[in-house]
Each structure stands twice: as C-alpha cells, then as structure tokens.
C-alpha cells in the first residue's frame, strides 16, 4: 500500500490507466466520465464500422477504457491543491494495488528527466 500523503510529485497519477469492462461498469458516474472507452475511439476513427460495434467491442474486454489526462498530464481526479486522489475510496483497482516499490521507481525516473 502506498502512503500518498508522503508523495512528492504524484508521479503515479501520470501513468496510463486502463480498466476492464467489468470494472468500468462498476464505477460511479463521477469516475466513469473521466474514462474513454476504446470502442468509442475506434469507431470515431472508423465510422463505417458502427454497425459492427457489438462484435468489435469484445476485442476491448480487458482493456475496455483508458483514463483521460488533463493538459498537465495528470489524472483528472487528482486534487491539484492537496495532490491527493479526489475519489480515493472509489479509485480504480490498478490505483488501489499500486505498491511503494513502483512509486519509488517513478520518483527516480522523474528526477532523471
């Protein structure tokens, strides 16, 4: 478990977050609106395939939706004043399972850049 209050740069909040269809369906509307479903992006680029949307959607079962990023590259659910998650209790599973070891590696990488 990561103690987010000790974080110096919220580097993990800049990572790509993808979730499954099951997890997407369980999200609150507040959190869900910050994700883009891959099928929607695909059909926007390929409108001639809209009739096959149901069949194509199955391809995106595991990586069903991707969290959007704000202009600064951070998660839109990150409170910029506190640099803490604004939906901490209902954050995606990948955020819940994030470990300190990963956090330390991100900090090292962000200092090297």
Protein backbone atom coordinates (compact mmCIF):
# COMPACT_ATOMS: atom_id res chain seq x y z
CA UNK A 1 0.00 0.00 0.00
CA UNK A 2 1.24 3.48 -0.86
CA UNK A 3 1.04 6.37 1.57
CA UNK A 4 0.03 9.06 -0.92
CA UNK A 5 0.42 11.81 1.68
CA UNK A 6 4.18 11.26 1.61
CA UNK A 7 4.43 11.61 -2.16
CA UNK A 8 6.50 14.45 -3.54
CA UNK A 9 5.29 14.53 -7.15
CA UNK A 10 2.23 12.28 -7.65
CA UNK A 11 4.14 10.58 -10.48
CA UNK A 12 1.83 7.58 -10.47
CA UNK A 13 -1.04 9.92 -11.35
CA UNK A 14 0.59 10.46 -14.76
CA UNK A 15 0.60 6.76 -15.68
CA UNK A 16 -1.69 5.23 -18.30
CA UNK A 17 -4.66 3.66 -16.53
CA UNK A 18 -6.71 1.05 -18.39
CA UNK A 19 -9.55 -0.92 -16.89
CA UNK A 20 -11.71 -3.90 -17.83
CA UNK A 21 -15.35 -3.71 -18.90
CA UNK A 22 -16.45 -5.17 -15.55
CA UNK A 23 -14.59 -2.52 -13.58
CA UNK A 24 -15.83 0.25 -15.86
CA UNK A 25 -19.43 -0.86 -15.31
CA UNK A 26 -18.93 -0.73 -11.52
CA UNK A 27 -17.59 2.84 -11.46
CA UNK A 28 -19.67 5.77 -10.29
CA UNK A 29 -20.71 8.26 -12.96
CA UNK A 30 -18.25 10.80 -11.49
CA UNK A 31 -15.32 8.46 -12.13
CA UNK A 32 -16.68 6.89 -15.32
CA UNK A 33 -16.84 10.26 -17.12
CA UNK A 34 -13.05 10.54 -16.81
CA UNK A 35 -12.55 7.44 -18.98
CA UNK A 36 -12.77 6.98 -22.72
CA UNK A 37 -13.93 3.61 -23.96
CA UNK A 38 -11.60 2.19 -26.61
CA UNK A 39 -14.54 1.18 -28.79
CA UNK A 40 -15.69 4.82 -28.91
CA UNK A 41 -12.24 5.99 -30.00
CA UNK A 42 -12.06 3.21 -32.59
CA UNK A 43 -15.49 3.98 -34.04
CA UNK A 44 -14.70 7.69 -34.18
CA UNK A 45 -11.78 6.85 -36.48
CA UNK A 46 -13.73 4.16 -38.35
CA UNK A 47 -17.36 5.35 -38.58
CA UNK A 48 -18.10 2.91 -41.39
CA UNK A 49 -17.84 0.07 -38.81
CA UNK A 50 -20.51 1.38 -36.41
CA UNK A 51 -22.85 -1.42 -37.46
CA UNK A 52 -20.38 -3.97 -36.06
CA UNK A 53 -19.82 -2.16 -32.75
CA UNK A 54 -21.05 -5.06 -30.58
CA UNK A 55 -18.69 -7.55 -32.23
CA UNK A 56 -15.73 -5.16 -32.15
CA UNK A 57 -16.33 -4.21 -28.51
CA UNK A 58 -15.41 -7.76 -27.46
CA UNK A 59 -11.83 -7.10 -28.55
CA UNK A 60 -11.60 -4.47 -25.81
CA UNK A 61 -12.93 -6.60 -22.95
CA UNK A 62 -9.78 -6.49 -20.76
CA UNK A 63 -8.54 -3.04 -21.79
CA UNK A 64 -12.04 -1.62 -22.15
CA UNK A 65 -11.39 2.00 -21.23
CA UNK A 66 -8.49 4.36 -20.66
CA UNK A 67 -8.43 7.20 -18.17
CA UNK A 68 -8.23 10.64 -19.73
CA UNK A 69 -5.42 13.03 -18.80
CA UNK A 70 -5.62 16.73 -18.10
CA UNK A 71 -3.48 19.18 -20.06
CA UNK A 72 -0.76 18.93 -17.40
CA UNK A 73 -0.56 15.14 -17.95
CA UNK A 74 -2.07 14.26 -14.58
CA UNK A 75 -5.16 12.22 -13.79
CA UNK A 76 -8.26 14.44 -13.89
CA UNK A 77 -9.29 13.07 -10.49
CA UNK A 78 -6.14 14.36 -8.77
CA UNK A 79 -6.84 17.31 -6.49
CA UNK A 80 -4.20 19.83 -7.58
CA UNK A 81 -4.14 21.64 -4.22
CA UNK A 82 -3.57 18.61 -2.00
CA UNK A 83 -2.08 16.40 -4.77
CA UNK A 84 -4.28 13.58 -3.42
CA UNK A 85 -6.91 11.49 -5.17
CA UNK A 86 -10.31 13.20 -5.08
CA UNK A 87 -12.13 9.85 -5.36
CA UNK A 88 -9.79 7.81 -3.17
CA UNK A 89 -12.45 5.37 -1.92
CA UNK A 90 -13.68 4.58 -5.43
CA UNK A 91 -10.42 4.82 -7.38
CA UNK A 92 -9.69 2.13 -9.99
CA UNK A 93 -8.26 -1.21 -8.84
CA UNK A 94 -4.90 -0.54 -10.51
CA UNK A 95 -4.54 2.53 -8.28
CA UNK A 96 -5.57 0.56 -5.19
CA UNK A 97 -2.99 -2.14 -5.86
CA UNK A 98 -0.15 0.27 -6.58
CA UNK A 99 2.94 -0.51 -4.47
CA UNK A 100 5.62 1.66 -2.85
CA UNK A 101 8.25 -0.10 -4.93
CA UNK A 102 6.68 1.15 -8.16
CA UNK A 103 6.31 4.61 -6.65
CA UNK A 104 9.99 4.83 -5.78
CA UNK A 105 10.97 3.82 -9.33
CA UNK A 106 8.74 6.53 -10.80
CA UNK A 107 10.27 9.11 -8.48
CA UNK A 108 13.74 8.08 -9.61
CA UNK A 109 12.75 8.32 -13.27
CA UNK A 110 11.10 11.71 -12.82
CA UNK A 111 14.24 13.10 -11.19
CA UNK A 112 16.42 11.83 -14.05
CA UNK A 113 14.41 13.69 -16.70
